Amino acid sequence: MGKIETELEQKFYKLDFTKLARLISSDFDSINMNTVFFKSFSKEKVITALENPQRNEKTLRDLSNFLYVFSPQYRRLCNYYAEMPTLDWYIEPHKLDISKVNAKQFKKAYNNTLFQLDNMNIKHELFKCLQVVYREGIFYGYEYSTDDSYFIQKLDPDYCRISGTEDGVFIFEFDFDYFNKYPERLDNYAPEFETMYNNYKNSNKNRRSKGLVDLRWQELNSELSICLKADETILYPIPPFVGVFPDIYDIQDYKQLKKAKNEMQNYAIISGKIPMKNNSDTANDFKITLDTAVEFGNKIIAELPDQVGFMLSVFDDVELFKLSDDRVGSTDKVEEAIKNFWSATGTSKNLFADSSDTDAGIKYSTTADEQSLFGILRQIERWINRKLKFNSGKYKFKINILDITTFNRKEKVAEELKAAQYGLPNKIKLFASMGNSQSSIETMSFLENDILDLHTRFIPLSSSHTQGGNDDINSPTDGDKGRPSKEKEDVRIDGKEGDED
């Protein structure tokens, strides 16, 4: 390069600021959406899965399980529906010809049925099933029981598929290639699983040579399997609340923006100006070399806290710009996103937070929510009744799962009590509506009356409600018994009878 070109470069060319950029120690780009939430399931991936849910069952199911742990709003939504039903139940005779009943045999069959259902511990085992249904959209399980023990083992939904219905109940197949991937888990399953798995391995070896059918997918024993589905009208299983997934992402977006705003407010930048020669006609004519400026700048950076950055500048004036709330996102945006989430679910947000809405509005909202879950109760009901049909014996019984929730129990008990007062045969139903086991009617009565003699030891205090009289209890009377008359009650503080209005 010639002498003239060098002089022109020094006089007119601009300073290369890329050499100075490395002096800024605080990396503002680190404030982004690079969290475990967005790493695991990107918003674009979720939108793509929602466009074709039938082909993305596993993705949506995995995301639902992840959100159940990650999002408190989503977890409360799923548990709200799963925990709402009380799973109170009672049994009644089924197809009974009362003219041909042997009372002794009937009583024995009745007690055996109650013992079987009590052993199932329906309120606990089926509650766990409901939690899975509202989280994954479907529950596949297999029963294990003894004379005094019972539990339902959850099967991996990725290796199960519905194969049909039997007596109105879903039946399904299991993919026995599961034990090729997890052979150590075979001992945790019933013996029939090992038998069916061995059949699958043998068929896989000899299928081509002997023309055997591939037994990778085999239907499990329908008497011991259980399948509950959140929505029976859709052929494929998907989590019932997939429609609110984008709203959960909106909540996380605003939370991240709020966090970024708070973090950015803690940052500060110190600007150091490189001295330039006075009255110089040459561009970039500094009093010190750029290397010297960088050296001392790095020494300053070493003494600064992480929240304070340092940069070199050649400008006479450096202005501080502050991002406004509208640019970064305020707390109201997070609250608005949460409100939109509950609105998208169709569930009243007032059940989970303080609100000025009326109790009547919340009541109607919960009533609508209750109706949406009674369909799953009918599935449970039909599944148990199908089990009861397998029992051999002359006398049959069927179970009724009551449409009672934690919100309407008081009303339902009042309805049954009123019906019982008119002589309807619903004493057992009333007892069950209060959360009691039907088998404890007789056992508790025997314990309290025959053994502990409590009915003679605990006697209600005498009152107008427990004493009889010739007059109607609600009518005025001047006698000692019954409710006092209105005139006797209408007395002023000074003890004199009150004046009539």
Protein backbone atom coordinates (compact mmCIF):
# COMPACT_ATOMS: atom_id res chain seq x y z
CA MET A 1 0.00 0.00 0.00
CA GLY A 2 1.43 3.39 -0.97
CA LYS A 3 2.10 6.34 1.27
CA ILE A 4 -0.87 8.32 -0.08
CA GLU A 5 -3.33 5.48 0.51
CA THR A 6 -2.06 5.05 4.08
CA GLU A 7 -2.58 8.74 4.84
CA LEU A 8 -6.11 8.63 3.41
CA GLU A 9 -6.93 5.61 5.55
CA GLN A 10 -5.72 7.31 8.70
CA LYS A 11 -7.59 10.49 7.89
CA PHE A 12 -10.97 9.20 6.73
CA TYR A 13 -11.46 5.51 7.66
CA LYS A 14 -13.59 4.67 10.70
CA LEU A 15 -12.44 2.79 13.79
CA ASP A 16 -13.12 -0.97 13.83
CA PHE A 17 -15.29 -1.32 16.95
CA THR A 18 -15.28 -5.14 16.79
CA LYS A 19 -12.04 -4.98 18.75
CA LEU A 20 -13.83 -3.14 21.55
CA ALA A 21 -16.95 -5.29 21.69
CA ARG A 22 -15.18 -8.01 23.65
CA LEU A 23 -14.80 -5.58 26.55
CA ILE A 24 -18.49 -5.79 27.46
CA SER A 25 -18.51 -8.44 30.16
CA SER A 26 -22.27 -8.85 30.68
CA ASP A 27 -23.95 -10.93 28.02
CA PHE A 28 -27.47 -9.61 27.57
CA ASP A 29 -28.25 -12.33 25.07
CA SER A 30 -28.29 -14.82 27.94
CA ILE A 31 -31.70 -13.48 28.94
CA ASN A 32 -33.78 -15.58 26.58
CA MET A 33 -36.22 -18.46 26.42
CA ASN A 34 -33.49 -21.05 26.76
CA THR A 35 -35.14 -22.84 29.72
CA VAL A 36 -35.84 -26.53 30.30
CA PHE A 37 -39.46 -25.94 29.34
CA PHE A 38 -38.74 -24.57 25.87
CA LYS A 39 -35.81 -26.94 25.33
CA SER A 40 -37.92 -30.04 25.99
CA PHE A 41 -40.95 -29.04 23.95
CA SER A 42 -40.71 -26.11 21.60
CA LYS A 43 -43.87 -24.19 20.88
CA GLU A 44 -43.54 -24.95 17.17
CA LYS A 45 -43.38 -28.69 17.93
CA VAL A 46 -46.54 -28.49 20.02
CA ILE A 47 -48.47 -26.56 17.36
CA THR A 48 -47.44 -29.16 14.77
CA ALA A 49 -48.62 -32.00 17.01
CA LEU A 50 -51.97 -30.30 17.61
CA GLU A 51 -52.54 -30.00 13.87
CA ASN A 52 -52.63 -33.81 13.63
CA PRO A 53 -53.35 -35.22 17.12
CA GLN A 54 -54.11 -38.74 15.92
CA ARG A 55 -50.59 -39.19 14.57
CA ASN A 56 -49.01 -37.48 17.56
CA GLU A 57 -50.62 -39.27 20.50
CA LYS A 58 -47.31 -40.00 22.19
CA THR A 59 -45.98 -36.45 21.78
CA LEU A 60 -49.12 -34.91 23.25
CA ARG A 61 -49.21 -37.46 26.05
CA ASP A 62 -45.55 -36.85 26.93
CA LEU A 63 -46.11 -33.11 26.86
CA SER A 64 -49.15 -33.44 29.13
CA ASN A 65 -47.12 -35.43 31.66
CA PHE A 66 -44.36 -32.84 31.48
CA LEU A 67 -46.76 -29.92 31.96
CA TYR A 68 -48.38 -31.72 34.89
CA VAL A 69 -45.05 -31.43 36.70
CA PHE A 70 -43.93 -28.10 35.26
CA SER A 71 -47.11 -25.98 35.23
CA PRO A 72 -48.98 -25.45 38.53
CA GLN A 73 -52.06 -24.25 36.63
CA TYR A 74 -52.19 -27.38 34.48
CA ARG A 75 -51.63 -29.67 37.46
CA ARG A 76 -54.47 -28.04 39.37
CA LEU A 77 -56.72 -28.31 36.33
CA CYS A 78 -56.14 -32.06 35.95
CA ASN A 79 -56.45 -32.74 39.67
CA TYR A 80 -59.58 -30.62 39.90
CA TYR A 81 -61.51 -33.03 37.68
CA ALA A 82 -59.82 -36.20 38.98
CA GLU A 83 -60.46 -35.36 42.63
CA MET A 84 -63.98 -34.01 42.17
CA PRO A 85 -65.98 -37.30 42.23
CA THR A 86 -66.27 -38.95 45.65
CA LEU A 87 -66.75 -42.40 44.07
CA ASP A 88 -69.49 -43.27 46.55
CA TRP A 89 -71.34 -46.43 45.56
CA TYR A 90 -73.98 -48.92 46.58
CA ILE A 91 -75.24 -52.23 45.19
CA GLU A 92 -78.72 -53.50 44.45
CA PRO A 93 -80.12 -56.86 43.33
CA HIS A 94 -80.00 -57.48 39.59
CA LYS A 95 -82.66 -59.49 37.74
CA LEU A 96 -84.13 -60.80 41.00
CA ASP A 97 -87.37 -62.79 41.12
CA ILE A 98 -88.49 -61.96 44.65
CA SER A 99 -91.05 -64.77 44.62
CA LYS A 100 -88.29 -67.38 44.46
CA VAL A 101 -85.71 -65.97 46.86
CA ASN A 102 -84.00 -68.14 49.45
CA ALA A 103 -83.28 -65.55 52.13
CA LYS A 104 -80.25 -67.36 53.57
CA GLN A 105 -78.58 -67.89 50.20
CA PHE A 106 -79.45 -64.37 49.10
CA LYS A 107 -77.89 -62.86 52.24
CA LYS A 108 -74.72 -64.88 51.68
CA ALA A 109 -74.42 -63.75 48.05
CA TYR A 110 -75.09 -60.17 49.10
CA ASN A 111 -72.33 -60.22 51.71
CA ASN A 112 -69.86 -61.89 49.33
CA THR A 113 -70.46 -59.17 46.77
CA LEU A 114 -69.89 -56.44 49.34
CA PHE A 115 -66.69 -58.12 50.54
CA GLN A 116 -65.41 -58.29 46.98
CA LEU A 117 -66.09 -54.62 46.32
CA ASP A 118 -64.70 -53.50 49.68
CA ASN A 119 -61.54 -55.46 48.93
CA MET A 120 -61.15 -53.51 45.66
CA ASN A 121 -60.87 -50.27 47.65
CA ILE A 122 -62.65 -48.47 44.83
CA LYS A 123 -62.26 -44.95 46.17
CA HIS A 124 -58.48 -45.21 46.23
CA GLU A 125 -57.65 -47.44 43.26
CA LEU A 126 -60.06 -45.78 40.84
CA PHE A 127 -59.02 -42.33 42.04
CA LYS A 128 -55.47 -43.11 40.87
CA CYS A 129 -56.90 -44.23 37.55
CA LEU A 130 -58.81 -40.96 37.16
CA GLN A 131 -55.64 -38.97 37.76
CA VAL A 132 -54.02 -40.75 34.82
CA VAL A 133 -57.11 -40.37 32.61
CA TYR A 134 -57.19 -36.59 32.99
CA ARG A 135 -53.45 -36.34 32.53
CA GLU A 136 -52.92 -38.76 29.61
CA GLY A 137 -56.39 -39.12 28.15
CA ILE A 138 -56.55 -42.88 28.77
CA PHE A 139 -55.71 -45.46 31.41
CA TYR A 140 -54.61 -49.02 30.71
CA GLY A 141 -54.33 -51.31 33.71
CA TYR A 142 -54.18 -54.88 34.93
CA GLU A 143 -55.67 -56.21 38.17
CA TYR A 144 -53.96 -58.15 40.92
CA SER A 145 -56.01 -59.46 43.82
CA THR A 146 -56.06 -61.90 46.73
CA ASP A 147 -58.69 -62.55 49.36
CA ASP A 148 -57.60 -59.46 51.31
CA SER A 149 -55.57 -57.38 48.87
CA TYR A 150 -56.11 -55.63 45.57
CA PHE A 151 -54.39 -53.16 43.29
CA ILE A 152 -54.36 -52.08 39.64
CA GLN A 153 -51.04 -51.94 37.81
CA LYS A 154 -50.69 -49.13 35.29
CA LEU A 155 -49.44 -50.25 31.87
CA ASP A 156 -47.34 -48.09 29.58
CA PRO A 157 -49.78 -46.45 27.13
CA ASP A 158 -47.07 -46.40 24.45
CA TYR A 159 -47.37 -50.20 24.30
CA CYS A 160 -51.15 -50.53 24.48
CA ARG A 161 -53.92 -50.01 21.95
CA ILE A 162 -57.69 -50.42 22.07
CA SER A 163 -58.83 -53.49 20.14
CA GLY A 164 -62.58 -53.27 20.69
CA THR A 165 -65.38 -53.28 23.25
CA GLU A 166 -66.95 -56.08 25.21
CA ASP A 167 -70.24 -55.53 27.03
CA GLY A 168 -69.73 -51.78 26.61
CA VAL A 169 -66.24 -51.91 28.10
CA PHE A 170 -62.99 -51.19 26.25
CA ILE A 171 -60.61 -54.10 25.73
CA PHE A 172 -57.05 -53.66 24.52
CA GLU A 173 -53.88 -55.32 23.26
CA PHE A 174 -50.39 -55.15 24.72
CA ASP A 175 -47.16 -54.91 22.71
CA PHE A 176 -44.92 -57.66 24.07
CA ASP A 177 -41.90 -56.19 22.35
CA TYR A 178 -41.90 -54.07 25.52
CA PHE A 179 -40.02 -56.85 27.32
CA ASN A 180 -37.37 -56.96 24.62
CA LYS A 181 -36.53 -53.39 25.58
CA TYR A 182 -37.08 -53.83 29.32
CA PRO A 183 -36.42 -57.52 30.11
CA GLU A 184 -35.66 -56.75 33.76
CA ARG A 185 -39.28 -55.63 34.29
CA LEU A 186 -40.86 -58.95 33.34
CA ASP A 187 -40.70 -60.18 36.95
CA ASN A 188 -42.92 -57.26 38.00
CA TYR A 189 -45.83 -58.52 35.92
CA ALA A 190 -48.33 -61.34 36.35
CA PRO A 191 -47.23 -64.85 35.27
CA GLU A 192 -49.53 -64.73 32.25
CA PHE A 193 -47.41 -61.89 30.84
CA GLU A 194 -44.35 -64.14 30.83
CA THR A 195 -46.33 -66.90 29.12
CA MET A 196 -47.59 -64.57 26.42
CA TYR A 197 -44.13 -63.06 25.98
CA ASN A 198 -42.61 -66.51 25.44
CA ASN A 199 -45.31 -67.23 22.89
CA TYR A 200 -44.38 -64.03 21.12
CA LYS A 201 -40.66 -64.93 21.05
CA ASN A 202 -41.41 -68.42 19.70
CA SER A 203 -43.77 -67.12 17.06
CA ASN A 204 -41.21 -64.54 16.00
CA LYS A 205 -38.58 -67.25 15.49
CA ASN A 206 -40.77 -69.76 13.69
CA ARG A 207 -43.21 -67.44 11.98
CA ARG A 208 -41.63 -67.53 8.55
CA SER A 209 -40.78 -71.23 8.51
CA LYS A 210 -44.06 -72.53 9.91
CA GLY A 211 -46.44 -69.78 8.89
CA LEU A 212 -47.29 -68.79 12.47
CA VAL A 213 -49.05 -65.53 13.28
CA ASP A 214 -46.93 -62.76 14.77
CA LEU A 215 -47.90 -62.47 18.45
CA ARG A 216 -46.24 -59.16 19.18
CA TRP A 217 -49.64 -57.59 19.93
CA GLN A 218 -51.82 -59.81 22.11
CA GLU A 219 -55.12 -59.07 23.78
CA LEU A 220 -54.97 -59.28 27.56
CA ASN A 221 -57.46 -61.19 29.70
CA SER A 222 -60.56 -59.02 29.59
CA GLU A 223 -61.63 -60.21 33.05
CA LEU A 224 -58.51 -58.68 34.61
CA SER A 225 -57.78 -55.70 32.39
CA ILE A 226 -59.22 -52.21 32.65
CA CYS A 227 -59.30 -49.36 30.16
CA LEU A 228 -60.83 -45.95 30.90
CA LYS A 229 -60.93 -43.20 28.30
CA ALA A 230 -61.47 -39.47 28.81
CA ASP A 231 -63.58 -39.10 25.67
CA GLU A 232 -65.43 -42.11 24.30
CA THR A 233 -66.55 -40.25 21.18
CA ILE A 234 -63.02 -39.92 19.77
CA LEU A 235 -61.42 -43.07 18.38
CA TYR A 236 -57.88 -42.21 19.43
CA PRO A 237 -56.83 -41.21 22.98
CA ILE A 238 -55.53 -37.71 23.63
CA PRO A 239 -55.27 -35.69 26.86
CA PRO A 240 -58.57 -33.88 27.42
CA PHE A 241 -56.97 -30.44 27.84
CA VAL A 242 -54.61 -30.33 24.85
CA GLY A 243 -56.39 -27.22 23.63
CA VAL A 244 -54.86 -25.12 26.43
CA PHE A 245 -51.23 -26.08 25.73
CA PRO A 246 -50.56 -22.88 23.70
CA ASP A 247 -51.99 -20.82 26.58
CA ILE A 248 -49.51 -22.41 28.97
CA TYR A 249 -46.73 -21.34 26.63
CA ASP A 250 -48.09 -17.80 26.71
CA ILE A 251 -47.85 -17.82 30.50
CA GLN A 252 -44.25 -18.98 30.33
CA ASP A 253 -43.46 -16.38 27.66
CA TYR A 254 -44.67 -13.54 29.84
CA LYS A 255 -42.91 -14.94 32.89
CA GLN A 256 -39.65 -15.01 30.98
CA LEU A 257 -40.19 -11.46 29.76
CA LYS A 258 -40.93 -10.32 33.29
CA LYS A 259 -37.77 -12.05 34.51
CA ALA A 260 -35.74 -10.48 31.71
CA LYS A 261 -37.09 -7.07 32.63
CA ASN A 262 -36.13 -7.48 36.28
CA GLU A 263 -32.67 -8.74 35.39
CA MET A 264 -32.02 -5.98 32.88
CA GLN A 265 -32.87 -3.37 35.51
CA ASN A 266 -29.98 -4.69 37.57
CA TYR A 267 -27.40 -4.17 34.83
CA ALA A 268 -25.20 -1.08 34.45
CA ILE A 269 -22.62 -0.09 31.91
CA ILE A 270 -19.60 2.14 32.55
CA SER A 271 -18.33 3.92 29.51
CA GLY A 272 -14.70 4.95 29.30
CA LYS A 273 -13.70 7.50 26.65
CA ILE A 274 -10.39 7.03 24.81
CA PRO A 275 -8.59 10.41 24.81
CA MET A 276 -7.91 11.95 21.43
CA LYS A 277 -5.39 14.55 20.39
CA ASN A 278 -6.70 18.10 20.24
CA ASN A 279 -6.87 19.98 16.94
CA SER A 280 -5.90 16.91 14.94
CA ASP A 281 -7.11 16.54 11.35
CA THR A 282 -6.45 12.78 11.31
CA ALA A 283 -9.23 10.24 12.04
CA ASN A 284 -8.71 8.01 15.08
CA ASP A 285 -5.75 10.07 16.28
CA PHE A 286 -5.68 8.84 19.90
CA LYS A 287 -3.31 9.97 22.63
CA ILE A 288 -2.79 6.31 23.56
CA THR A 289 -2.70 3.17 21.46
CA LEU A 290 -5.79 1.00 21.16
CA ASP A 291 -3.92 -1.93 22.72
CA THR A 292 -3.13 0.17 25.78
CA ALA A 293 -6.79 1.17 26.11
CA VAL A 294 -7.89 -2.46 25.88
CA GLU A 295 -5.30 -3.53 28.45
CA PHE A 296 -6.49 -1.03 31.04
CA GLY A 297 -10.12 -1.71 30.18
CA ASN A 298 -9.65 -5.38 30.99
CA LYS A 299 -8.10 -4.45 34.33
CA ILE A 300 -11.19 -2.40 35.16
CA ILE A 301 -13.48 -5.28 34.14
CA ALA A 302 -11.63 -7.63 36.49
CA GLU A 303 -12.64 -5.45 39.45
CA LEU A 304 -16.29 -4.97 38.48
CA PRO A 305 -19.21 -7.16 39.69
CA ASP A 306 -21.03 -9.36 37.19
CA GLN A 307 -23.96 -6.97 36.86
CA VAL A 308 -21.75 -4.07 35.74
CA GLY A 309 -20.23 -3.95 32.29
CA PHE A 310 -17.48 -1.73 30.88
CA MET A 311 -16.93 -0.47 27.38
CA LEU A 312 -14.59 1.88 25.62
CA SER A 313 -16.06 4.76 23.67
CA VAL A 314 -14.81 7.53 21.39
CA PHE A 315 -18.02 9.51 21.64
CA ASP A 316 -18.31 12.78 23.53
CA ASP A 317 -21.72 11.86 24.92
CA VAL A 318 -23.28 8.46 25.78
CA GLU A 319 -27.02 8.39 26.52
CA LEU A 320 -28.69 5.76 28.75
CA PHE A 321 -31.84 4.19 27.33
CA LYS A 322 -34.27 2.37 29.65
CA LEU A 323 -36.78 -0.13 28.34
CA SER A 324 -40.34 0.73 29.33
CA ASP A 325 -42.82 -1.70 30.85
CA ASP A 326 -44.72 -1.90 27.58
CA ARG A 327 -41.65 -3.11 25.74
CA VAL A 328 -40.56 -5.74 28.24
CA GLY A 329 -43.85 -6.93 29.67
CA SER A 330 -45.39 -6.22 33.05
CA THR A 331 -46.85 -8.33 35.83
CA ASP A 332 -50.33 -7.62 34.44
CA LYS A 333 -49.38 -9.49 31.28
CA VAL A 334 -48.68 -12.63 33.32
CA GLU A 335 -51.98 -12.33 35.14
CA GLU A 336 -53.77 -11.77 31.86
CA ALA A 337 -52.17 -14.91 30.38
CA ILE A 338 -53.25 -16.96 33.41
CA LYS A 339 -56.78 -15.58 33.07
CA ASN A 340 -56.81 -16.54 29.40
CA PHE A 341 -55.66 -20.04 30.34
CA TRP A 342 -58.60 -20.67 32.65
CA SER A 343 -60.96 -19.13 30.12
CA ALA A 344 -59.68 -21.58 27.49
CA THR A 345 -60.23 -24.56 29.79
CA GLY A 346 -63.89 -23.72 30.34
CA THR A 347 -63.29 -23.99 34.08
CA SER A 348 -63.93 -21.07 36.40
CA LYS A 349 -60.67 -19.52 37.59
CA ASN A 350 -62.54 -18.34 40.69
CA LEU A 351 -62.29 -21.86 42.08
CA PHE A 352 -58.55 -21.39 42.46
CA ALA A 353 -58.22 -17.67 43.23
CA ASP A 354 -60.05 -14.84 44.94
CA SER A 355 -62.59 -13.11 42.79
CA SER A 356 -65.51 -10.76 43.00
CA ASP A 357 -67.75 -13.11 41.05
CA THR A 358 -70.88 -14.29 42.82
CA ASP A 359 -71.24 -17.68 44.44
CA ALA A 360 -74.14 -18.42 42.10
CA GLY A 361 -71.89 -18.02 39.07
CA ILE A 362 -69.28 -20.36 40.54
CA LYS A 363 -71.98 -22.88 41.40
CA TYR A 364 -73.28 -23.04 37.84
CA SER A 365 -69.71 -23.38 36.59
CA THR A 366 -69.00 -26.35 38.87
CA THR A 367 -72.31 -27.93 37.89
CA ALA A 368 -71.23 -27.88 34.25
CA ASP A 369 -67.86 -29.34 35.23
CA GLU A 370 -69.58 -32.14 37.15
CA GLN A 371 -71.64 -33.15 34.15
CA SER A 372 -68.51 -33.55 32.04
CA LEU A 373 -67.00 -36.18 34.35
CA PHE A 374 -70.09 -38.32 34.99
CA GLY A 375 -69.42 -40.11 31.69
CA ILE A 376 -66.21 -41.59 33.14
CA LEU A 377 -68.17 -42.70 36.21
CA ARG A 378 -70.47 -44.64 33.89
CA GLN A 379 -67.42 -46.36 32.39
CA ILE A 380 -66.26 -47.38 35.87
CA GLU A 381 -69.76 -48.54 36.69
CA ARG A 382 -70.04 -50.74 33.59
CA TRP A 383 -66.56 -52.17 34.10
CA ILE A 384 -67.30 -53.23 37.69
CA ASN A 385 -70.74 -54.60 36.77
CA ARG A 386 -69.09 -56.65 34.06
CA LYS A 387 -66.77 -58.10 36.69
CA LEU A 388 -69.74 -58.92 38.90
CA LYS A 389 -71.33 -60.84 36.01
CA PHE A 390 -68.35 -63.19 35.98
CA ASN A 391 -69.25 -64.34 39.47
CA SER A 392 -71.05 -67.65 39.45
CA GLY A 393 -74.13 -67.90 41.59
CA LYS A 394 -77.86 -67.70 41.55
CA TYR A 395 -78.17 -64.17 42.86
CA LYS A 396 -76.60 -61.23 41.03
CA PHE A 397 -75.98 -57.65 42.07
CA LYS A 398 -75.01 -54.50 40.26
CA ILE A 399 -73.14 -51.44 41.47
CA ASN A 400 -74.25 -47.84 41.13
CA ILE A 401 -71.62 -45.09 41.24
CA LEU A 402 -73.39 -42.07 42.65
CA ASP A 403 -73.14 -38.75 40.81
CA ILE A 404 -71.76 -37.10 43.92
CA THR A 405 -68.84 -34.70 44.00
CA THR A 406 -67.07 -32.68 46.66
CA PHE A 407 -69.25 -29.75 45.59
CA ASN A 408 -72.74 -31.30 45.58
CA ARG A 409 -72.56 -33.86 48.41
CA LYS A 410 -74.55 -31.69 50.83
CA GLU A 411 -77.36 -31.21 48.31
CA LYS A 412 -77.45 -34.90 47.37
CA VAL A 413 -77.63 -36.01 51.01
CA ALA A 414 -80.48 -33.56 51.60
CA GLU A 415 -82.35 -34.96 48.58
CA GLU A 416 -81.97 -38.54 49.77
CA LEU A 417 -82.95 -37.62 53.32
CA LYS A 418 -86.11 -35.92 52.11
CA ALA A 419 -86.99 -38.95 49.98
CA ALA A 420 -86.41 -41.27 52.97
CA GLN A 421 -88.73 -39.16 55.10
CA TYR A 422 -91.51 -39.96 52.63
CA GLY A 423 -90.90 -43.68 53.02
CA LEU A 424 -88.97 -44.38 49.81
CA PRO A 425 -86.64 -47.42 49.97
CA ASN A 426 -83.40 -45.44 49.80
CA LYS A 427 -81.90 -45.82 53.27
CA ILE A 428 -78.86 -47.63 51.86
CA LYS A 429 -78.43 -45.01 49.16
CA LEU A 430 -78.67 -42.27 51.80
CA PHE A 431 -76.03 -44.00 53.90
CA ALA A 432 -73.72 -44.35 50.89
CA SER A 433 -74.29 -40.71 49.88
CA MET A 434 -72.73 -39.68 53.17
CA GLY A 435 -69.49 -41.41 52.15
CA ASN A 436 -70.02 -44.67 54.03
CA SER A 437 -69.47 -48.21 52.84
CA GLN A 438 -72.63 -50.21 52.39
CA SER A 439 -71.18 -53.14 54.33
CA SER A 440 -70.76 -50.96 57.43
CA ILE A 441 -74.51 -50.44 57.81
CA GLU A 442 -74.96 -53.81 59.44
CA THR A 443 -71.54 -54.08 61.06
CA MET A 444 -71.66 -50.64 62.70
CA SER A 445 -75.24 -51.20 63.84
CA PHE A 446 -74.18 -54.51 65.37
CA LEU A 447 -71.16 -52.91 67.06
CA GLU A 448 -73.00 -49.89 68.46
CA ASN A 449 -76.27 -51.54 69.49
CA ASP A 450 -75.55 -55.22 70.23
CA ILE A 451 -71.99 -55.01 71.53
CA LEU A 452 -71.49 -51.50 72.94
CA ASP A 453 -75.15 -50.84 73.72
CA LEU A 454 -74.71 -47.23 72.68
CA HIS A 455 -78.38 -46.71 71.83
CA THR A 456 -79.23 -46.92 75.54
CA ARG A 457 -76.20 -44.99 76.78
CA PHE A 458 -76.38 -42.01 74.43
CA ILE A 459 -79.89 -40.59 74.79
CA PRO A 460 -80.80 -37.26 73.17
CA LEU A 461 -81.63 -34.43 75.60
CA SER A 462 -85.32 -33.80 76.14
CA SER A 463 -86.65 -30.98 74.01
CA SER A 464 -89.72 -29.97 72.11
CA HIS A 465 -88.37 -32.02 69.18
CA THR A 466 -88.08 -35.25 71.21
CA GLN A 467 -91.21 -34.93 73.35
CA GLY A 468 -94.69 -35.59 72.07
CA GLY A 469 -97.92 -33.85 72.91
CA ASN A 470 -101.59 -33.73 72.10
CA ASP A 471 -101.16 -30.56 70.14
CA ASP A 472 -99.22 -30.11 66.95
CA ILE A 473 -95.59 -29.26 67.69
CA ASN A 474 -95.73 -26.21 65.44
CA SER A 475 -99.02 -24.87 66.78
CA PRO A 476 -99.32 -22.35 69.62
CA THR A 477 -99.95 -23.88 73.06
CA ASP A 478 -100.19 -22.66 76.64
CA GLY A 479 -99.24 -26.05 78.08
CA ASP A 480 -95.85 -27.17 79.30
CA LYS A 481 -95.18 -29.39 76.27
CA GLY A 482 -94.57 -28.42 72.69
CA ARG A 483 -93.35 -25.21 71.19
CA PRO A 484 -94.43 -22.06 73.07
CA SER A 485 -96.91 -19.85 71.36
CA LYS A 486 -95.88 -16.81 69.37
CA GLU A 487 -97.49 -14.55 71.95
CA LYS A 488 -95.31 -16.04 74.73
CA GLU A 489 -92.18 -15.51 72.65
CA ASP A 490 -92.97 -11.91 71.76
CA VAL A 491 -91.71 -10.37 75.00
CA ARG A 492 -89.83 -7.12 75.43
CA ILE A 493 -86.57 -6.84 77.35
CA ASP A 494 -88.40 -5.40 80.39
CA GLY A 495 -90.31 -8.70 80.70
CA LYS A 496 -93.66 -7.33 79.56
CA GLU A 497 -95.56 -8.74 76.66
CA GLY A 498 -94.87 -6.98 73.42
CA ASP A 499 -97.44 -4.83 71.68
CA GLU A 500 -98.96 -6.19 68.57
CA ASP A 501 -97.79 -4.65 65.31
